[in-house]
Amino acid sequence: MTDVIEHTPSKEPVVRVQGLEMNLRTGQVRLRGEAVHLTPTEFRLLRTLMLNPNRVSPNWLLERALGDPGDNQKVRFYVGRLRRKLGDRHRVLIRTAHGAGYRLAGRTAAP
């Protein structure tokens, strides 16, 4: 599936990855058309994963999404919550890069 970020005057800024859709202006998240309710912290973490392909370091995620350069347990906790809310119990959508952190499946750097 192709990743799409739409930024046009007539459309909302939307990021789509693997059936997951995030409206960057309204904060709405949908998975295969169904609304997913996230806390502000979960939303920031998911937005960071969706907008930053190949950035997987837990420390980078802590600083960028959570504003807290420190506790890796915090990243594991919020990634676990996101996986549960997204029905990703088999870790297909949010992948663990062993020894490096996390990345969103299907996201690669643009050419």
Protein backbone atom coordinates (compact mmCIF):
# COMPACT_ATOMS: atom_id res chain seq x y z
CA MET A 1 0.00 0.00 0.00
CA THR A 2 1.31 3.45 -0.88
CA ASP A 3 1.84 6.08 1.80
CA VAL A 4 0.08 9.34 1.05
CA ILE A 5 0.35 12.76 2.62
CA GLU A 6 -2.14 15.20 1.17
CA HIS A 7 -1.51 18.92 1.60
CA THR A 8 -3.83 20.81 -0.70
CA PRO A 9 -5.97 23.87 0.04
CA SER A 10 -9.17 21.96 -0.65
CA LYS A 11 -8.31 18.96 1.52
CA GLU A 12 -7.33 18.36 5.11
CA PRO A 13 -3.70 17.33 5.75
CA VAL A 14 -4.06 13.56 5.96
CA VAL A 15 -1.45 10.82 6.31
CA ARG A 16 -2.38 7.29 5.25
CA VAL A 17 -0.36 4.16 5.97
CA GLN A 18 -1.53 0.52 5.80
CA GLY A 19 -5.24 1.26 6.31
CA LEU A 20 -4.45 3.78 9.06
CA GLU A 21 -5.46 7.39 8.43
CA MET A 22 -4.58 10.46 10.49
CA ASN A 23 -5.95 13.95 9.96
CA LEU A 24 -3.13 16.19 11.16
CA ARG A 25 -5.37 19.23 11.68
CA THR A 26 -8.31 17.68 13.48
CA GLY A 27 -6.43 14.89 15.24
CA GLN A 28 -8.87 12.24 14.00
CA VAL A 29 -7.45 8.76 13.53
CA ARG A 30 -9.22 6.01 11.61
CA LEU A 31 -8.26 2.41 11.02
CA ARG A 32 -9.98 0.86 8.00
CA GLY A 33 -12.67 3.56 8.32
CA GLU A 34 -13.33 3.06 12.05
CA ALA A 35 -12.50 5.85 14.51
CA VAL A 36 -9.67 5.17 16.92
CA HIS A 37 -9.70 7.24 20.11
CA LEU A 38 -6.22 8.14 21.31
CA THR A 39 -4.92 10.18 24.21
CA PRO A 40 -2.86 13.25 23.25
CA THR A 41 0.34 11.36 24.07
CA GLU A 42 -0.67 8.35 21.96
CA PHE A 43 -1.60 10.69 19.12
CA ARG A 44 1.80 12.45 19.26
CA LEU A 45 3.62 9.13 19.26
CA LEU A 46 1.62 7.77 16.33
CA ARG A 47 1.99 11.06 14.39
CA THR A 48 5.75 10.93 14.96
CA LEU A 49 5.93 7.34 13.69
CA MET A 50 3.77 8.16 10.66
CA LEU A 51 5.65 11.30 9.65
CA ASN A 52 9.21 10.12 10.25
CA PRO A 53 10.07 7.04 8.24
CA ASN A 54 13.10 5.06 9.36
CA ARG A 55 13.47 6.95 12.67
CA VAL A 56 13.30 4.19 15.21
CA SER A 57 15.35 5.12 18.28
CA PRO A 58 13.35 5.02 21.53
CA ASN A 59 15.28 8.06 22.78
CA TRP A 60 14.44 9.98 19.61
CA LEU A 61 10.77 9.04 20.01
CA LEU A 62 10.84 10.12 23.66
CA GLU A 63 12.24 13.52 22.78
CA ARG A 64 10.18 14.09 19.65
CA ALA A 65 6.79 12.69 20.63
CA LEU A 66 6.80 12.68 24.41
CA GLY A 67 9.11 15.61 25.14
CA ASP A 68 11.03 13.47 27.64
CA PRO A 69 14.57 12.32 26.78
CA GLY A 70 14.87 9.53 29.27
CA ASP A 71 12.83 6.51 30.21
CA ASN A 72 12.60 3.79 27.52
CA GLN A 73 9.91 2.10 29.63
CA LYS A 74 7.64 5.04 28.82
CA VAL A 75 8.04 4.39 25.08
CA ARG A 76 7.33 0.67 25.55
CA PHE A 77 4.24 1.51 27.59
CA TYR A 78 2.78 3.89 24.99
CA VAL A 79 3.71 1.66 22.05
CA GLY A 80 1.91 -1.19 23.83
CA ARG A 81 -1.17 1.00 24.31
CA LEU A 82 -1.12 2.02 20.63
CA ARG A 83 -0.80 -1.59 19.54
CA ARG A 84 -3.82 -2.55 21.65
CA LYS A 85 -5.95 0.32 20.36
CA LEU A 86 -4.97 -0.43 16.76
CA GLY A 87 -5.59 -4.18 17.17
CA ASP A 88 -1.93 -4.80 16.38
CA ARG A 89 -1.37 -7.71 18.76
CA HIS A 90 0.83 -9.49 16.20
CA ARG A 91 2.99 -6.37 15.80
CA VAL A 92 2.38 -6.06 12.09
CA LEU A 93 1.71 -2.31 11.99
CA ILE A 94 4.13 -1.04 14.65
CA ARG A 95 7.30 -3.04 14.20
CA THR A 96 10.00 -3.52 16.77
CA ALA A 97 13.49 -2.94 15.36
CA HIS A 98 15.39 -5.05 17.90
CA GLY A 99 18.14 -3.07 19.55
CA ALA A 100 17.04 0.10 17.73
CA GLY A 101 13.43 1.01 18.60
CA TYR A 102 10.20 1.11 16.61
CA ARG A 103 8.96 1.99 13.15
CA LEU A 104 5.66 1.90 11.34
CA ALA A 105 5.34 -0.97 8.84
CA GLY A 106 5.18 0.12 5.24
CA ARG A 107 6.86 3.47 5.91
CA THR A 108 10.09 4.08 4.06
CA ALA A 109 11.90 7.28 3.27
CA ALA A 110 10.67 9.07 0.16
CA PRO A 111 13.10 8.91 -2.79
